[in-house]
Amino acid sequence: MVIYKSTEVFLKDELFGLTSQMRRCSISIATDIAEGCERFNNGDFHRCFQNAMGLAVELDYHVLLASDLGYLGPVNAVLAPKVVAVKQMLSKLSRKVAIDRFQRP
């Protein structure tokens, strides 16, 4: 939701560029987590978290780029830390799933 609100002010020229990329990443992070929750083995579950982490890193770069281009302004003070927090949560969850995967018989 924050990404959608933040990208509303981007230039219309960016609608199919940066705006679309940022929105796609934010949706896909949540989608990969949801998909992982439906997996029946930890290997697939872990892979879904790894995919989500890759998308979070991509989103982190897009936020940096949008900030450098002057599209975000003061919103960046709120948005950038939220993306970092998501990456940290995904990292912890991914490690937990990986540990469980190797500890189970």
N, C-alpha and C. Protein backbone atom coordinates (compact mmCIF):
# COMPACT_ATOMS: atom_id res chain seq x y z
N MET A 1 0.82 -1.19 0.00
CA MET A 1 0.00 0.00 0.00
C MET A 1 0.87 1.26 0.00
N VAL A 2 1.93 1.25 0.80
CA VAL A 2 2.82 2.41 0.87
C VAL A 2 3.47 2.66 -0.48
N ILE A 3 3.86 1.59 -1.16
CA ILE A 3 4.50 1.74 -2.47
C ILE A 3 3.52 2.36 -3.47
N TYR A 4 2.29 1.90 -3.47
CA TYR A 4 1.30 2.44 -4.39
C TYR A 4 1.09 3.93 -4.14
N LYS A 5 0.94 4.31 -2.88
CA LYS A 5 0.74 5.73 -2.55
C LYS A 5 1.96 6.55 -2.93
N SER A 6 3.15 6.01 -2.68
CA SER A 6 4.39 6.73 -2.97
C SER A 6 4.60 6.94 -4.45
N THR A 7 4.19 5.96 -5.26
CA THR A 7 4.44 6.06 -6.70
C THR A 7 3.36 6.84 -7.45
N GLU A 8 2.30 7.22 -6.77
CA GLU A 8 1.24 8.01 -7.42
C GLU A 8 1.75 9.35 -7.92
N VAL A 9 2.77 9.88 -7.28
CA VAL A 9 3.29 11.20 -7.64
C VAL A 9 4.40 11.15 -8.69
N PHE A 10 4.81 9.95 -9.10
CA PHE A 10 5.85 9.82 -10.11
C PHE A 10 5.37 10.40 -11.43
N LEU A 11 6.29 10.78 -12.26
CA LEU A 11 5.96 11.28 -13.58
C LEU A 11 5.18 10.23 -14.37
N LYS A 12 4.27 10.67 -15.20
CA LYS A 12 3.48 9.74 -16.02
C LYS A 12 4.39 8.95 -16.97
N ASP A 13 5.54 9.53 -17.34
CA ASP A 13 6.50 8.81 -18.18
C ASP A 13 7.02 7.55 -17.51
N GLU A 14 6.95 7.51 -16.19
CA GLU A 14 7.46 6.37 -15.43
C GLU A 14 6.40 5.29 -15.17
N LEU A 15 5.20 5.50 -15.66
CA LEU A 15 4.12 4.56 -15.38
C LEU A 15 4.48 3.12 -15.76
N PHE A 16 5.11 2.94 -16.90
CA PHE A 16 5.47 1.58 -17.34
C PHE A 16 6.93 1.27 -17.05
N GLY A 17 7.59 2.14 -16.32
CA GLY A 17 8.98 1.94 -15.94
C GLY A 17 9.11 1.73 -14.45
N LEU A 18 9.63 2.73 -13.78
CA LEU A 18 9.92 2.63 -12.35
C LEU A 18 8.65 2.40 -11.52
N THR A 19 7.58 3.08 -11.84
CA THR A 19 6.32 2.90 -11.10
C THR A 19 5.88 1.44 -11.16
N SER A 20 5.85 0.90 -12.35
CA SER A 20 5.42 -0.48 -12.53
C SER A 20 6.36 -1.45 -11.83
N GLN A 21 7.66 -1.23 -11.93
CA GLN A 21 8.63 -2.12 -11.30
C GLN A 21 8.48 -2.14 -9.78
N MET A 22 8.33 -0.96 -9.20
CA MET A 22 8.21 -0.88 -7.74
C MET A 22 6.92 -1.55 -7.26
N ARG A 23 5.85 -1.31 -7.96
CA ARG A 23 4.58 -1.92 -7.57
C ARG A 23 4.61 -3.44 -7.74
N ARG A 24 5.20 -3.89 -8.84
CA ARG A 24 5.31 -5.33 -9.08
C ARG A 24 6.13 -5.99 -7.99
N CYS A 25 7.25 -5.38 -7.62
CA CYS A 25 8.09 -5.95 -6.56
C CYS A 25 7.33 -6.06 -5.25
N SER A 26 6.65 -5.00 -4.88
CA SER A 26 5.96 -5.00 -3.58
C SER A 26 4.87 -6.07 -3.54
N ILE A 27 4.17 -6.25 -4.64
CA ILE A 27 3.13 -7.28 -4.70
C ILE A 27 3.75 -8.67 -4.70
N SER A 28 4.81 -8.84 -5.46
CA SER A 28 5.43 -10.16 -5.60
C SER A 28 6.08 -10.63 -4.31
N ILE A 29 6.57 -9.73 -3.48
CA ILE A 29 7.14 -10.12 -2.19
C ILE A 29 6.07 -10.84 -1.38
N ALA A 30 4.94 -10.20 -1.24
CA ALA A 30 3.84 -10.80 -0.47
C ALA A 30 3.33 -12.08 -1.13
N THR A 31 3.28 -12.10 -2.45
CA THR A 31 2.80 -13.27 -3.17
C THR A 31 3.72 -14.46 -2.95
N ASP A 32 5.03 -14.24 -2.99
CA ASP A 32 5.98 -15.34 -2.78
C ASP A 32 5.88 -15.88 -1.36
N ILE A 33 5.67 -15.01 -0.39
CA ILE A 33 5.52 -15.47 0.99
C ILE A 33 4.24 -16.32 1.11
N ALA A 34 3.16 -15.83 0.53
CA ALA A 34 1.90 -16.59 0.57
C ALA A 34 2.06 -17.94 -0.13
N GLU A 35 2.74 -17.95 -1.26
CA GLU A 35 2.97 -19.20 -1.98
C GLU A 35 3.79 -20.16 -1.13
N GLY A 36 4.81 -19.64 -0.46
CA GLY A 36 5.66 -20.48 0.39
C GLY A 36 4.89 -21.11 1.52
N CYS A 37 3.93 -20.39 2.05
CA CYS A 37 3.13 -20.92 3.16
C CYS A 37 2.28 -22.11 2.73
N GLU A 38 2.02 -22.26 1.45
CA GLU A 38 1.22 -23.37 0.94
C GLU A 38 2.07 -24.56 0.51
N ARG A 39 3.38 -24.42 0.61
CA ARG A 39 4.27 -25.51 0.20
C ARG A 39 4.33 -26.56 1.29
N PHE A 40 4.51 -27.78 0.88
CA PHE A 40 4.49 -28.89 1.83
C PHE A 40 5.87 -29.33 2.29
N ASN A 41 6.90 -28.76 1.72
CA ASN A 41 8.23 -29.10 2.22
C ASN A 41 9.05 -27.83 2.40
N ASN A 42 10.00 -27.90 3.31
CA ASN A 42 10.77 -26.71 3.67
C ASN A 42 11.67 -26.24 2.54
N GLY A 43 12.07 -27.14 1.64
CA GLY A 43 12.90 -26.72 0.52
C GLY A 43 12.17 -25.72 -0.36
N ASP A 44 10.94 -26.03 -0.70
CA ASP A 44 10.13 -25.11 -1.51
C ASP A 44 9.80 -23.85 -0.73
N PHE A 45 9.51 -24.03 0.54
CA PHE A 45 9.21 -22.89 1.41
C PHE A 45 10.40 -21.93 1.44
N HIS A 46 11.59 -22.48 1.61
CA HIS A 46 12.82 -21.68 1.66
C HIS A 46 13.05 -20.97 0.33
N ARG A 47 12.81 -21.67 -0.77
CA ARG A 47 12.98 -21.07 -2.10
C ARG A 47 12.06 -19.87 -2.28
N CYS A 48 10.84 -19.97 -1.79
CA CYS A 48 9.90 -18.84 -1.89
C CYS A 48 10.40 -17.64 -1.10
N PHE A 49 10.97 -17.90 0.07
CA PHE A 49 11.54 -16.80 0.86
C PHE A 49 12.75 -16.19 0.15
N GLN A 50 13.55 -17.03 -0.50
CA GLN A 50 14.70 -16.51 -1.23
C GLN A 50 14.24 -15.63 -2.40
N ASN A 51 13.20 -16.05 -3.09
CA ASN A 51 12.64 -15.24 -4.18
C ASN A 51 12.14 -13.90 -3.64
N ALA A 52 11.43 -13.94 -2.51
CA ALA A 52 10.92 -12.72 -1.90
C ALA A 52 12.07 -11.79 -1.50
N MET A 53 13.16 -12.38 -1.00
CA MET A 53 14.32 -11.56 -0.62
C MET A 53 14.94 -10.90 -1.85
N GLY A 54 15.03 -11.62 -2.94
CA GLY A 54 15.55 -11.02 -4.17
C GLY A 54 14.71 -9.84 -4.62
N LEU A 55 13.41 -9.98 -4.52
CA LEU A 55 12.50 -8.90 -4.88
C LEU A 55 12.63 -7.72 -3.92
N ALA A 56 12.85 -8.00 -2.64
CA ALA A 56 13.02 -6.93 -1.65
C ALA A 56 14.30 -6.14 -1.93
N VAL A 57 15.35 -6.84 -2.33
CA VAL A 57 16.60 -6.16 -2.69
C VAL A 57 16.39 -5.30 -3.93
N GLU A 58 15.65 -5.83 -4.89
CA GLU A 58 15.31 -5.07 -6.10
C GLU A 58 14.51 -3.83 -5.73
N LEU A 59 13.53 -3.99 -4.86
CA LEU A 59 12.71 -2.86 -4.43
C LEU A 59 13.55 -1.82 -3.70
N ASP A 60 14.48 -2.29 -2.89
CA ASP A 60 15.38 -1.38 -2.17
C ASP A 60 16.14 -0.50 -3.16
N TYR A 61 16.63 -1.11 -4.23
CA TYR A 61 17.33 -0.32 -5.25
C TYR A 61 16.39 0.66 -5.95
N HIS A 62 15.18 0.21 -6.26
CA HIS A 62 14.22 1.10 -6.92
C HIS A 62 13.90 2.31 -6.05
N VAL A 63 13.78 2.10 -4.75
CA VAL A 63 13.52 3.22 -3.83
C VAL A 63 14.70 4.18 -3.84
N LEU A 64 15.91 3.64 -3.83
CA LEU A 64 17.11 4.48 -3.90
C LEU A 64 17.14 5.28 -5.20
N LEU A 65 16.85 4.62 -6.31
CA LEU A 65 16.83 5.29 -7.61
C LEU A 65 15.77 6.38 -7.65
N ALA A 66 14.56 6.07 -7.18
CA ALA A 66 13.48 7.05 -7.17
C ALA A 66 13.84 8.25 -6.31
N SER A 67 14.52 7.98 -5.20
CA SER A 67 14.96 9.07 -4.34
C SER A 67 16.01 9.93 -5.05
N ASP A 68 16.97 9.27 -5.70
CA ASP A 68 18.01 10.00 -6.43
C ASP A 68 17.44 10.84 -7.57
N LEU A 69 16.36 10.35 -8.17
CA LEU A 69 15.71 11.09 -9.25
C LEU A 69 14.80 12.21 -8.73
N GLY A 70 14.64 12.28 -7.41
CA GLY A 70 13.83 13.32 -6.81
C GLY A 70 12.34 13.03 -6.81
N TYR A 71 11.96 11.78 -7.04
CA TYR A 71 10.54 11.41 -7.09
C TYR A 71 9.92 11.23 -5.71
N LEU A 72 10.71 10.86 -4.73
CA LEU A 72 10.15 10.51 -3.42
C LEU A 72 10.13 11.65 -2.41
N GLY A 73 11.13 12.49 -2.44
CA GLY A 73 11.19 13.60 -1.49
C GLY A 73 11.16 13.10 -0.06
N PRO A 74 10.37 13.74 0.82
CA PRO A 74 10.34 13.36 2.23
C PRO A 74 9.75 11.98 2.49
N VAL A 75 9.02 11.43 1.53
CA VAL A 75 8.45 10.09 1.69
C VAL A 75 9.57 9.05 1.87
N ASN A 76 10.73 9.33 1.28
CA ASN A 76 11.84 8.39 1.36
C ASN A 76 12.27 8.14 2.80
N ALA A 77 12.12 9.13 3.67
CA ALA A 77 12.49 8.97 5.08
C ALA A 77 11.66 7.89 5.75
N VAL A 78 10.46 7.64 5.24
CA VAL A 78 9.59 6.60 5.78
C VAL A 78 9.73 5.31 4.98
N LEU A 79 9.80 5.42 3.68
CA LEU A 79 9.78 4.27 2.80
C LEU A 79 11.05 3.43 2.89
N ALA A 80 12.21 4.05 2.81
CA ALA A 80 13.47 3.30 2.82
C ALA A 80 13.62 2.42 4.06
N PRO A 81 13.36 2.94 5.28
CA PRO A 81 13.47 2.07 6.45
C PRO A 81 12.47 0.91 6.45
N LYS A 82 11.30 1.11 5.85
CA LYS A 82 10.32 0.02 5.77
C LYS A 82 10.82 -1.10 4.88
N VAL A 83 11.45 -0.75 3.78
CA VAL A 83 12.00 -1.76 2.87
C VAL A 83 13.13 -2.52 3.59
N VAL A 84 13.96 -1.81 4.31
CA VAL A 84 15.04 -2.46 5.07
C VAL A 84 14.46 -3.41 6.11
N ALA A 85 13.40 -2.99 6.78
CA ALA A 85 12.75 -3.84 7.79
C ALA A 85 12.19 -5.12 7.15
N VAL A 86 11.61 -5.00 5.97
CA VAL A 86 11.08 -6.18 5.27
C VAL A 86 12.23 -7.13 4.94
N LYS A 87 13.34 -6.58 4.45
CA LYS A 87 14.50 -7.42 4.14
C LYS A 87 15.01 -8.14 5.38
N GLN A 88 15.04 -7.45 6.51
CA GLN A 88 15.51 -8.08 7.74
C GLN A 88 14.58 -9.20 8.18
N MET A 89 13.28 -8.97 8.09
CA MET A 89 12.31 -10.00 8.47
C MET A 89 12.43 -11.22 7.54
N LEU A 90 12.56 -10.97 6.25
CA LEU A 90 12.70 -12.07 5.30
C LEU A 90 13.98 -12.87 5.56
N SER A 91 15.04 -12.16 5.89
CA SER A 91 16.31 -12.82 6.17
C SER A 91 16.18 -13.75 7.37
N LYS A 92 15.56 -13.26 8.43
CA LYS A 92 15.38 -14.08 9.64
C LYS A 92 14.48 -15.28 9.36
N LEU A 93 13.39 -15.06 8.66
CA LEU A 93 12.48 -16.16 8.34
C LEU A 93 13.15 -17.19 7.44
N SER A 94 13.91 -16.72 6.48
CA SER A 94 14.60 -17.62 5.57
C SER A 94 15.62 -18.47 6.32
N ARG A 95 16.37 -17.86 7.22
CA ARG A 95 17.34 -18.61 8.02
C ARG A 95 16.64 -19.65 8.89
N LYS A 96 15.52 -19.27 9.48
CA LYS A 96 14.76 -20.18 10.34
C LYS A 96 14.27 -21.39 9.55
N VAL A 97 13.73 -21.13 8.37
CA VAL A 97 13.24 -22.22 7.53
C VAL A 97 14.40 -23.11 7.09
N ALA A 98 15.54 -22.51 6.76
CA ALA A 98 16.71 -23.28 6.34
C ALA A 98 17.21 -24.16 7.47
N ILE A 99 17.24 -23.64 8.68
CA ILE A 99 17.69 -24.42 9.84
C ILE A 99 16.74 -25.58 10.09
N ASP A 100 15.44 -25.30 10.07
CA ASP A 100 14.45 -26.37 10.27
C ASP A 100 14.57 -27.44 9.18
N ARG A 101 14.88 -27.01 7.99
CA ARG A 101 14.97 -27.94 6.86
C ARG A 101 16.08 -28.96 7.08
N PHE A 102 17.21 -28.50 7.65
CA PHE A 102 18.34 -29.39 7.83
C PHE A 102 18.30 -30.16 9.14
N GLN A 103 17.44 -29.75 10.06
CA GLN A 103 17.34 -30.45 11.34
C GLN A 103 16.31 -31.56 11.32
N ARG A 104 15.41 -31.54 10.37
CA ARG A 104 14.37 -32.58 10.30
C ARG A 104 14.94 -33.84 9.67
N PRO A 105 14.49 -35.00 10.15
CA PRO A 105 15.00 -36.26 9.58
C PRO A 105 14.50 -36.49 8.17
